[in-house]
N, C-alpha and C. Protein backbone atom coordinates (compact mmCIF):
# COMPACT_ATOMS: atom_id res chain seq x y z
N UNK A 1 -88.52 219.49 236.18
CA UNK A 1 -89.13 218.19 236.42
C UNK A 1 -88.38 217.44 237.53
N UNK A 2 -87.06 217.51 237.49
CA UNK A 2 -86.28 216.79 238.50
C UNK A 2 -86.51 217.36 239.90
N UNK A 3 -86.67 218.66 239.98
CA UNK A 3 -86.90 219.29 241.28
C UNK A 3 -88.26 218.88 241.83
N UNK A 4 -89.27 218.86 240.97
CA UNK A 4 -90.62 218.47 241.40
C UNK A 4 -90.62 217.00 241.83
N UNK A 5 -89.97 216.15 241.05
CA UNK A 5 -89.90 214.73 241.40
C UNK A 5 -89.12 214.52 242.70
N UNK A 6 -88.05 215.29 242.89
CA UNK A 6 -87.29 215.19 244.13
C UNK A 6 -88.09 215.61 245.34
N UNK A 7 -88.84 216.70 245.21
CA UNK A 7 -89.69 217.15 246.30
C UNK A 7 -90.79 216.15 246.61
N UNK A 8 -91.34 215.57 245.56
CA UNK A 8 -92.40 214.57 245.75
C UNK A 8 -91.87 213.36 246.49
N UNK A 9 -90.70 212.91 246.11
CA UNK A 9 -90.12 211.75 246.80
C UNK A 9 -89.76 212.09 248.25
N UNK A 10 -89.34 213.33 248.49
CA UNK A 10 -89.04 213.74 249.87
C UNK A 10 -90.30 213.70 250.74
N UNK A 11 -91.43 214.16 250.20
CA UNK A 11 -92.69 214.10 250.94
C UNK A 11 -93.07 212.64 251.22
N UNK A 12 -92.86 211.77 250.23
CA UNK A 12 -93.20 210.35 250.43
C UNK A 12 -92.33 209.73 251.52
N UNK A 13 -91.04 210.02 251.50
CA UNK A 13 -90.13 209.48 252.52
C UNK A 13 -90.51 210.00 253.90
N UNK A 14 -90.84 211.28 253.99
CA UNK A 14 -91.23 211.86 255.28
C UNK A 14 -92.51 211.21 255.79
N UNK A 15 -93.46 210.96 254.89
CA UNK A 15 -94.73 210.34 255.29
C UNK A 15 -94.50 208.93 255.81
N UNK A 16 -93.69 208.16 255.11
CA UNK A 16 -93.39 206.79 255.55
C UNK A 16 -92.66 206.81 256.89
N UNK A 17 -91.71 207.73 257.03
CA UNK A 17 -90.97 207.81 258.29
C UNK A 17 -91.89 208.16 259.46
N UNK A 18 -92.82 209.08 259.23
CA UNK A 18 -93.76 209.44 260.30
C UNK A 18 -94.70 208.28 260.63
N UNK A 19 -95.14 207.56 259.61
CA UNK A 19 -96.01 206.41 259.87
C UNK A 19 -95.28 205.33 260.67
N UNK A 20 -94.02 205.09 260.33
CA UNK A 20 -93.23 204.10 261.08
C UNK A 20 -93.02 204.58 262.52
N UNK A 21 -92.72 205.86 262.68
CA UNK A 21 -92.52 206.39 264.03
C UNK A 21 -93.80 206.28 264.85
N UNK A 22 -94.92 206.55 264.20
CA UNK A 22 -96.20 206.46 264.93
C UNK A 22 -96.49 205.01 265.35
N UNK A 23 -96.21 204.07 264.46
CA UNK A 23 -96.41 202.66 264.80
C UNK A 23 -95.46 202.20 265.91
N UNK A 24 -94.29 202.84 265.98
CA UNK A 24 -93.33 202.51 267.03
C UNK A 24 -93.69 203.15 268.36
N UNK A 25 -94.70 204.01 268.38
CA UNK A 25 -95.16 204.58 269.63
C UNK A 25 -94.74 206.02 269.87
N UNK A 26 -94.13 206.64 268.88
CA UNK A 26 -93.71 208.04 269.05
C UNK A 26 -94.94 208.95 269.01
N UNK A 27 -94.79 210.12 269.60
CA UNK A 27 -95.88 211.10 269.64
C UNK A 27 -95.88 211.89 268.32
N UNK A 28 -96.55 211.34 267.31
CA UNK A 28 -96.61 211.95 265.98
C UNK A 28 -98.03 212.50 265.79
N UNK A 29 -98.12 213.78 265.53
CA UNK A 29 -99.42 214.40 265.31
C UNK A 29 -100.01 213.97 263.98
N UNK A 30 -101.31 213.81 263.95
CA UNK A 30 -102.00 213.36 262.73
C UNK A 30 -101.82 214.36 261.60
N UNK A 31 -101.82 215.65 261.93
CA UNK A 31 -101.73 216.64 260.86
C UNK A 31 -100.37 216.60 260.17
N UNK A 32 -99.32 216.10 260.84
CA UNK A 32 -98.03 215.96 260.18
C UNK A 32 -98.12 214.93 259.06
N UNK A 33 -98.80 213.83 259.35
CA UNK A 33 -98.95 212.77 258.35
C UNK A 33 -99.82 213.26 257.20
N UNK A 34 -100.89 213.97 257.53
CA UNK A 34 -101.78 214.51 256.50
C UNK A 34 -101.02 215.51 255.63
N UNK A 35 -100.19 216.32 256.23
CA UNK A 35 -99.43 217.31 255.47
C UNK A 35 -98.47 216.61 254.51
N UNK A 36 -97.79 215.57 254.96
CA UNK A 36 -96.87 214.84 254.08
C UNK A 36 -97.61 214.14 252.96
N UNK A 37 -98.75 213.54 253.27
CA UNK A 37 -99.54 212.87 252.24
C UNK A 37 -100.05 213.87 251.21
N UNK A 38 -100.46 215.05 251.68
CA UNK A 38 -100.92 216.10 250.77
C UNK A 38 -99.78 216.58 249.87
N UNK A 39 -98.62 216.76 250.44
CA UNK A 39 -97.46 217.17 249.65
C UNK A 39 -97.11 216.14 248.60
N UNK A 40 -97.22 214.87 248.95
CA UNK A 40 -96.94 213.80 247.99
C UNK A 40 -97.96 213.81 246.86
N UNK A 41 -99.24 213.92 247.17
CA UNK A 41 -100.29 213.93 246.15
C UNK A 41 -100.15 215.16 245.24
N UNK A 42 -99.93 216.32 245.83
CA UNK A 42 -99.74 217.52 245.01
C UNK A 42 -98.47 217.42 244.17
N UNK A 43 -97.46 216.79 244.70
CA UNK A 43 -96.24 216.56 243.92
C UNK A 43 -96.49 215.66 242.73
N UNK A 44 -97.30 214.63 242.91
CA UNK A 44 -97.64 213.76 241.77
C UNK A 44 -98.37 214.55 240.70
N UNK A 45 -99.27 215.43 241.12
CA UNK A 45 -99.95 216.29 240.15
C UNK A 45 -98.95 217.21 239.44
N UNK A 46 -97.98 217.71 240.18
CA UNK A 46 -96.95 218.56 239.58
C UNK A 46 -96.09 217.82 238.59
N UNK A 47 -95.73 216.59 238.89
CA UNK A 47 -94.95 215.77 237.96
C UNK A 47 -95.75 215.53 236.68
N UNK A 48 -97.03 215.23 236.83
CA UNK A 48 -97.88 215.02 235.66
C UNK A 48 -97.97 216.28 234.82
N UNK A 49 -98.14 217.43 235.48
CA UNK A 49 -98.22 218.71 234.77
C UNK A 49 -96.93 218.98 234.00
N UNK A 50 -95.79 218.81 234.67
CA UNK A 50 -94.50 219.08 234.02
C UNK A 50 -94.27 218.16 232.84
N UNK A 51 -94.64 216.90 232.97
CA UNK A 51 -94.46 215.95 231.88
C UNK A 51 -95.33 216.31 230.69
N UNK A 52 -96.59 216.63 230.95
CA UNK A 52 -97.49 217.01 229.86
C UNK A 52 -97.03 218.30 229.19
N UNK A 53 -96.55 219.25 229.98
CA UNK A 53 -96.09 220.52 229.43
C UNK A 53 -94.86 220.31 228.55
N UNK A 54 -93.91 219.50 229.04
CA UNK A 54 -92.70 219.20 228.26
C UNK A 54 -93.06 218.53 226.94
N UNK A 55 -93.99 217.59 226.98
CA UNK A 55 -94.41 216.91 225.75
C UNK A 55 -95.12 217.87 224.79
N UNK A 56 -95.92 218.78 225.32
CA UNK A 56 -96.62 219.75 224.47
C UNK A 56 -95.63 220.70 223.81
N UNK A 57 -94.62 221.13 224.53
CA UNK A 57 -93.60 222.01 223.97
C UNK A 57 -92.86 221.29 222.85
N UNK A 58 -92.48 220.05 223.08
CA UNK A 58 -91.77 219.28 222.06
C UNK A 58 -92.65 219.06 220.84
N UNK A 59 -93.91 218.80 221.06
CA UNK A 59 -94.85 218.60 219.95
C UNK A 59 -95.02 219.88 219.12
N UNK A 60 -95.09 221.02 219.81
CA UNK A 60 -95.22 222.30 219.10
C UNK A 60 -93.95 222.64 218.31
N UNK A 61 -92.79 222.32 218.87
CA UNK A 61 -91.54 222.55 218.13
C UNK A 61 -91.47 221.68 216.89
N UNK A 62 -91.90 220.42 217.03
CA UNK A 62 -91.88 219.50 215.88
C UNK A 62 -92.85 219.96 214.80
N UNK A 63 -93.98 220.52 215.19
CA UNK A 63 -94.97 220.99 214.21
C UNK A 63 -94.48 222.27 213.53
N UNK A 64 -93.72 223.10 214.24
CA UNK A 64 -93.23 224.35 213.66
C UNK A 64 -92.05 224.11 212.71
N UNK A 65 -91.28 223.06 212.97
CA UNK A 65 -90.12 222.74 212.13
C UNK A 65 -90.30 221.36 211.53
N UNK A 66 -91.07 221.22 210.47
CA UNK A 66 -91.34 219.88 209.92
C UNK A 66 -90.13 219.25 209.23
N UNK A 67 -89.10 219.98 209.02
CA UNK A 67 -87.95 219.47 208.28
C UNK A 67 -86.95 218.88 209.15
């Protein structure tokens, strides 16, 4: 989970940095920004998946060991 969250935050930071550079007049290709935004969105989906999976595993362990 920490690795997925770290990667997601890295994509977000890269996207913000590229947007700032583009506003400052740097030659930033549009597909770079789209790639960073896509990485961020997919990372959010990955964080959600990992969280739900962790909760399901804990729930199954609790159901298997009621004591």
